[in-house]
């Protein structure tokens, strides 16, 4: 497990997915903050230190790619992992322009953990 707990911010408008990711990442020693919208995330994220963001690109009427741009504009340099299911290659390429990694849903939790470890430069063992 981690010697210092990393905070991972998950932004997904699907509550069930968000809770599942939060619980699964907690098993690996992460502290997870879950937000159901880009607005919730932006209102809270400026007050804390975030190791990594895991952002769905489809957030209801909001866009996760736009959230990534807003985080960058705020000077937040933490890596972003975008996730989504059933997107076109064009959307995937657009998402990759603003993030470290793009994951297709569904994905295995271990795959997400490996990606988080890689983009944050920390290992869990």
C-alpha atoms as a PDB file:
ATOM      1  CA  UNK A   1       0.000   0.000   0.000  1.00  0.00           C
ATOM      2  CA  UNK A   2       0.983   3.633  -0.283  1.00  0.00           C
ATOM      3  CA  UNK A   3       3.118   5.247   2.374  1.00  0.00           C
ATOM      4  CA  UNK A   4       1.236   8.509   1.817  1.00  0.00           C
ATOM      5  CA  UNK A   5      -2.377   8.296   0.713  1.00  0.00           C
ATOM      6  CA  UNK A   6      -3.005   9.673  -2.710  1.00  0.00           C
ATOM      7  CA  UNK A   7      -6.216  11.534  -3.428  1.00  0.00           C
ATOM      8  CA  UNK A   8      -7.878  10.528  -6.647  1.00  0.00           C
ATOM      9  CA  UNK A   9     -10.766  12.642  -7.915  1.00  0.00           C
ATOM     10  CA  UNK A  10     -13.390  10.676  -9.832  1.00  0.00           C
ATOM     11  CA  UNK A  11     -15.943  12.640 -11.861  1.00  0.00           C
ATOM     12  CA  UNK A  12     -18.782  10.553 -13.256  1.00  0.00           C
ATOM     13  CA  UNK A  13     -22.464  11.445 -13.504  1.00  0.00           C
ATOM     14  CA  UNK A  14     -23.430   7.801 -12.945  1.00  0.00           C
ATOM     15  CA  UNK A  15     -23.620   7.379  -9.163  1.00  0.00           C
ATOM     16  CA  UNK A  16     -23.335   3.583  -9.289  1.00  0.00           C
ATOM     17  CA  UNK A  17     -20.169   3.731 -11.399  1.00  0.00           C
ATOM     18  CA  UNK A  18     -18.705   6.420  -9.161  1.00  0.00           C
ATOM     19  CA  UNK A  19     -19.384   4.447  -5.987  1.00  0.00           C
ATOM     20  CA  UNK A  20     -17.970   1.267  -7.515  1.00  0.00           C
ATOM     21  CA  UNK A  21     -14.766   3.058  -8.536  1.00  0.00           C
ATOM     22  CA  UNK A  22     -14.482   4.745  -5.141  1.00  0.00           C
ATOM     23  CA  UNK A  23     -14.799   1.455  -3.270  1.00  0.00           C
ATOM     24  CA  UNK A  24     -12.488  -0.431  -5.608  1.00  0.00           C
ATOM     25  CA  UNK A  25      -9.743   2.205  -5.444  1.00  0.00           C
ATOM     26  CA  UNK A  26     -10.038   2.383  -1.646  1.00  0.00           C
ATOM     27  CA  UNK A  27      -9.061  -1.296  -1.518  1.00  0.00           C
ATOM     28  CA  UNK A  28      -5.750  -0.256  -3.110  1.00  0.00           C
ATOM     29  CA  UNK A  29      -5.158   2.444  -0.506  1.00  0.00           C
ATOM     30  CA  UNK A  30      -6.409   5.471  -2.415  1.00  0.00           C
ATOM     31  CA  UNK A  31      -8.494   8.227  -0.900  1.00  0.00           C
ATOM     32  CA  UNK A  32     -11.173   9.014  -3.503  1.00  0.00           C
ATOM     33  CA  UNK A  33     -13.289  12.125  -3.840  1.00  0.00           C
ATOM     34  CA  UNK A  34     -16.356  11.493  -5.999  1.00  0.00           C
ATOM     35  CA  UNK A  35     -18.139  14.251  -7.887  1.00  0.00           C
ATOM     36  CA  UNK A  36     -21.204  13.747 -10.034  1.00  0.00           C
ATOM     37  CA  UNK A  37     -20.661  16.839 -12.191  1.00  0.00           C
ATOM     38  CA  UNK A  38     -17.961  19.116 -13.518  1.00  0.00           C
ATOM     39  CA  UNK A  39     -19.399  22.016 -11.512  1.00  0.00           C
ATOM     40  CA  UNK A  40     -19.175  20.052  -8.232  1.00  0.00           C
ATOM     41  CA  UNK A  41     -15.597  19.146  -9.023  1.00  0.00           C
ATOM     42  CA  UNK A  42     -14.560  22.701  -9.887  1.00  0.00           C
ATOM     43  CA  UNK A  43     -16.156  24.084  -6.730  1.00  0.00           C
ATOM     44  CA  UNK A  44     -14.251  21.667  -4.502  1.00  0.00           C
ATOM     45  CA  UNK A  45     -10.993  20.836  -6.231  1.00  0.00           C
ATOM     46  CA  UNK A  46      -9.235  24.149  -5.708  1.00  0.00           C
ATOM     47  CA  UNK A  47      -9.103  23.533  -1.952  1.00  0.00           C
ATOM     48  CA  UNK A  48      -7.249  20.212  -1.987  1.00  0.00           C
ATOM     49  CA  UNK A  49      -4.272  18.396  -3.395  1.00  0.00           C
ATOM     50  CA  UNK A  50      -5.143  15.868  -6.060  1.00  0.00           C
ATOM     51  CA  UNK A  51      -2.790  13.182  -7.335  1.00  0.00           C
ATOM     52  CA  UNK A  52      -4.895  12.338 -10.365  1.00  0.00           C
ATOM     53  CA  UNK A  53      -8.290  12.943 -11.960  1.00  0.00           C
ATOM     54  CA  UNK A  54     -10.418  10.166 -13.461  1.00  0.00           C
ATOM     55  CA  UNK A  55     -13.064  11.909 -15.560  1.00  0.00           C
ATOM     56  CA  UNK A  56     -15.871  10.487 -17.667  1.00  0.00           C
ATOM     57  CA  UNK A  57     -16.111  12.449 -20.898  1.00  0.00           C
ATOM     58  CA  UNK A  58     -19.917  12.270 -20.886  1.00  0.00           C
ATOM     59  CA  UNK A  59     -21.218  14.068 -17.792  1.00  0.00           C
ATOM     60  CA  UNK A  60     -24.875  14.503 -18.640  1.00  0.00           C
ATOM     61  CA  UNK A  61     -25.109  17.972 -20.165  1.00  0.00           C
ATOM     62  CA  UNK A  62     -21.459  18.676 -19.309  1.00  0.00           C
ATOM     63  CA  UNK A  63     -18.303  17.522 -21.054  1.00  0.00           C
ATOM     64  CA  UNK A  64     -15.395  15.910 -19.239  1.00  0.00           C
ATOM     65  CA  UNK A  65     -12.980  17.177 -21.865  1.00  0.00           C
ATOM     66  CA  UNK A  66     -14.099  20.736 -21.105  1.00  0.00           C
ATOM     67  CA  UNK A  67     -13.560  20.071 -17.392  1.00  0.00           C
ATOM     68  CA  UNK A  68      -9.973  19.041 -18.167  1.00  0.00           C
ATOM     69  CA  UNK A  69      -9.432  22.340 -19.985  1.00  0.00           C
ATOM     70  CA  UNK A  70     -10.887  24.274 -17.049  1.00  0.00           C
ATOM     71  CA  UNK A  71      -8.602  22.470 -14.585  1.00  0.00           C
ATOM     72  CA  UNK A  72      -5.604  23.356 -16.730  1.00  0.00           C
ATOM     73  CA  UNK A  73      -6.755  26.994 -16.927  1.00  0.00           C
ATOM     74  CA  UNK A  74      -6.865  27.027 -13.109  1.00  0.00           C
ATOM     75  CA  UNK A  75      -3.223  25.933 -13.061  1.00  0.00           C
ATOM     76  CA  UNK A  76      -3.980  22.423 -11.829  1.00  0.00           C
ATOM     77  CA  UNK A  77      -1.304  20.154 -13.269  1.00  0.00           C
ATOM     78  CA  UNK A  78      -2.418  16.781 -11.914  1.00  0.00           C
ATOM     79  CA  UNK A  79      -2.703  14.108 -14.613  1.00  0.00           C
ATOM     80  CA  UNK A  80      -6.109  13.354 -16.096  1.00  0.00           C
ATOM     81  CA  UNK A  81      -7.409   9.946 -17.101  1.00  0.00           C
ATOM     82  CA  UNK A  82     -10.468  10.173 -19.335  1.00  0.00           C
ATOM     83  CA  UNK A  83     -12.889   7.287 -19.541  1.00  0.00           C
ATOM     84  CA  UNK A  84     -15.949   6.551 -21.613  1.00  0.00           C
ATOM     85  CA  UNK A  85     -17.734   3.774 -23.380  1.00  0.00           C
ATOM     86  CA  UNK A  86     -18.594   3.455 -27.040  1.00  0.00           C
ATOM     87  CA  UNK A  87     -16.917   6.573 -28.391  1.00  0.00           C
ATOM     88  CA  UNK A  88     -15.672   7.149 -31.912  1.00  0.00           C
ATOM     89  CA  UNK A  89     -11.993   7.276 -32.789  1.00  0.00           C
ATOM     90  CA  UNK A  90     -12.345  11.034 -33.377  1.00  0.00           C
ATOM     91  CA  UNK A  91     -13.711  11.596 -29.863  1.00  0.00           C
ATOM     92  CA  UNK A  92     -11.015   9.340 -28.397  1.00  0.00           C
ATOM     93  CA  UNK A  93      -8.305  11.344 -30.185  1.00  0.00           C
ATOM     94  CA  UNK A  94      -9.818  14.637 -29.000  1.00  0.00           C
ATOM     95  CA  UNK A  95      -9.912  13.319 -25.435  1.00  0.00           C
ATOM     96  CA  UNK A  96      -6.300  12.125 -25.641  1.00  0.00           C
ATOM     97  CA  UNK A  97      -5.207  15.649 -26.568  1.00  0.00           C
ATOM     98  CA  UNK A  98      -6.175  16.781 -23.060  1.00  0.00           C
ATOM     99  CA  UNK A  99      -5.316  13.805 -20.890  1.00  0.00           C
ATOM    100  CA  UNK A 100      -2.598  11.343 -19.993  1.00  0.00           C
ATOM    101  CA  UNK A 101      -4.614   8.192 -20.766  1.00  0.00           C
ATOM    102  CA  UNK A 102      -7.998   7.255 -22.210  1.00  0.00           C
ATOM    103  CA  UNK A 103      -9.743   4.136 -20.900  1.00  0.00           C
ATOM    104  CA  UNK A 104     -12.647   2.467 -22.658  1.00  0.00           C
ATOM    105  CA  UNK A 105     -15.481   1.424 -20.339  1.00  0.00           C
ATOM    106  CA  UNK A 106     -15.823  -1.164 -19.095  1.00  0.00           C
ATOM    107  CA  UNK A 107     -12.300  -1.639 -17.804  1.00  0.00           C
ATOM    108  CA  UNK A 108     -10.800  -3.731 -15.028  1.00  0.00           C
ATOM    109  CA  UNK A 109      -9.996  -1.974 -11.772  1.00  0.00           C
ATOM    110  CA  UNK A 110      -6.461  -3.359 -11.925  1.00  0.00           C
ATOM    111  CA  UNK A 111      -6.021  -1.663 -15.304  1.00  0.00           C
ATOM    112  CA  UNK A 112      -7.093   1.658 -13.761  1.00  0.00           C
ATOM    113  CA  UNK A 113      -4.767   1.152 -10.785  1.00  0.00           C
ATOM    114  CA  UNK A 114      -1.823   0.453 -13.113  1.00  0.00           C
ATOM    115  CA  UNK A 115      -2.611   3.588 -15.110  1.00  0.00           C
ATOM    116  CA  UNK A 116      -2.882   5.693 -11.931  1.00  0.00           C
ATOM    117  CA  UNK A 117       0.442   4.307 -10.712  1.00  0.00           C
ATOM    118  CA  UNK A 118       2.063   5.134 -14.026  1.00  0.00           C
ATOM    119  CA  UNK A 119       0.733   8.697 -14.379  1.00  0.00           C
ATOM    120  CA  UNK A 120       1.424   9.610 -10.740  1.00  0.00           C
ATOM    121  CA  UNK A 121       4.837   7.949 -10.685  1.00  0.00           C
ATOM    122  CA  UNK A 122       3.997   5.828  -7.652  1.00  0.00           C
ATOM    123  CA  UNK A 123       3.607   2.116  -7.175  1.00  0.00           C
ATOM    124  CA  UNK A 124       1.423   0.352  -4.657  1.00  0.00           C
ATOM    125  CA  UNK A 125       4.012  -2.227  -3.709  1.00  0.00           C
END
